[in-house]
Amino acid sequence: MQFIHHDLGYQPAGAVVVVTLSGTEANVQLLDETNFRSYERGDTHHYYGGHFRQSPVRLTIPSNGHWHVAVDLGGFGGQVNSSARVPSPSKV
């Protein structure tokens, strides 16, 4: 499966990730390190997020750790580009 990967590095619980999509609607998944590795292999994984038609997407990081965002089309046609950032709390 093709996907766009954004490595967010270590993030604290409560930080907000802002994902901006351009192009087709897409699946946006926020994953911890273990679940991202499972996602890469095509194995069962757990994530925060879902299918989004509008941008920007804001997701709250639930716990301290190393986090990733994966953006994919879920097997549907189209093209998507994305960016992901964790702005300082005053800019959310």
Protein backbone atom coordinates (compact mmCIF):
# COMPACT_ATOMS: atom_id res chain seq x y z
CA MET A 1 0.00 0.00 0.00
CA GLN A 2 1.23 3.47 -0.79
CA PHE A 3 1.02 6.10 1.92
CA ILE A 4 2.53 9.37 3.03
CA HIS A 5 4.48 9.15 6.25
CA HIS A 6 5.09 11.99 8.70
CA ASP A 7 7.43 11.10 11.60
CA LEU A 8 6.48 13.40 14.47
CA GLY A 9 9.21 12.19 16.81
CA TYR A 10 8.65 12.29 20.54
CA GLN A 11 5.51 14.23 21.49
CA PRO A 12 3.87 14.85 24.86
CA ALA A 13 0.32 13.84 25.70
CA GLY A 14 -2.14 16.59 24.79
CA ALA A 15 -0.12 18.01 21.90
CA VAL A 16 -2.24 18.67 18.81
CA VAL A 17 -1.17 17.50 15.36
CA VAL A 18 -2.45 19.60 12.45
CA VAL A 19 -2.58 17.68 9.17
CA THR A 20 -3.28 19.65 6.01
CA LEU A 21 -4.57 17.72 2.98
CA SER A 22 -4.60 18.84 -0.62
CA GLY A 23 -6.23 16.82 -3.37
CA THR A 24 -8.52 13.88 -2.71
CA GLU A 25 -10.12 13.09 0.64
CA ALA A 26 -7.99 10.61 2.57
CA ASN A 27 -7.50 8.43 5.60
CA VAL A 28 -5.43 10.16 8.28
CA GLN A 29 -4.06 7.89 10.99
CA LEU A 30 -2.16 8.91 14.11
CA LEU A 31 -0.12 5.92 15.29
CA ASP A 32 2.36 5.18 18.04
CA GLU A 33 5.62 3.45 17.13
CA THR A 34 4.36 -0.14 17.57
CA ASN A 35 1.16 0.41 15.62
CA PHE A 36 2.98 2.25 12.84
CA ARG A 37 5.27 -0.76 12.33
CA SER A 38 2.19 -3.02 12.18
CA TYR A 39 0.55 -0.63 9.68
CA GLU A 40 3.68 -0.75 7.47
CA ARG A 41 3.52 -4.56 7.42
CA GLY A 42 -0.21 -4.55 6.64
CA ASP A 43 -0.99 -6.13 10.01
CA THR A 44 -3.81 -5.26 12.39
CA HIS A 45 -3.15 -1.93 14.07
CA HIS A 46 -4.88 0.68 16.21
CA TYR A 47 -4.92 4.38 15.39
CA TYR A 48 -6.57 7.71 16.07
CA GLY A 49 -8.19 9.53 13.18
CA GLY A 50 -10.18 8.21 10.25
CA HIS A 51 -11.43 9.26 6.82
CA PHE A 52 -11.48 13.01 6.30
CA ARG A 53 -13.02 15.10 3.52
CA GLN A 54 -12.01 18.50 4.86
CA SER A 55 -8.72 19.98 5.92
CA PRO A 56 -7.09 20.80 8.25
CA VAL A 57 -7.42 17.73 10.45
CA ARG A 58 -6.60 18.18 14.14
CA LEU A 59 -5.75 15.15 16.25
CA THR A 60 -4.74 15.16 19.92
CA ILE A 61 -1.85 12.94 20.96
CA PRO A 62 -3.18 10.70 23.74
CA SER A 63 0.07 9.78 25.52
CA ASN A 64 3.76 10.63 25.66
CA GLY A 65 5.81 8.80 23.04
CA HIS A 66 7.08 8.60 19.50
CA TRP A 67 4.23 9.30 17.06
CA HIS A 68 3.62 8.98 13.32
CA VAL A 69 0.94 10.16 10.88
CA ALA A 70 0.08 7.97 7.87
CA VAL A 71 -2.08 9.38 5.07
CA ASP A 72 -3.50 7.00 2.46
CA LEU A 73 -6.37 6.68 0.01
CA GLY A 74 -7.59 3.37 1.39
CA GLY A 75 -7.47 1.70 -2.00
CA PHE A 76 -9.57 4.37 -3.72
CA GLY A 77 -8.39 6.45 -6.67
CA GLY A 78 -7.12 9.98 -6.56
CA GLN A 79 -4.10 11.90 -5.43
CA VAL A 80 -3.35 13.49 -2.12
CA ASN A 81 -0.55 15.53 -0.63
CA SER A 82 -0.23 16.31 3.03
CA SER A 83 1.76 18.12 5.63
CA ALA A 84 1.78 17.53 9.36
CA ARG A 85 2.99 19.76 12.14
CA VAL A 86 2.71 20.11 15.89
CA PRO A 87 2.41 23.85 16.51
CA SER A 88 3.22 25.40 19.86
CA PRO A 89 0.16 25.35 22.16
CA SER A 90 -0.53 29.07 21.67
CA LYS A 91 -0.85 28.61 17.88
CA VAL A 92 -3.33 25.69 17.79
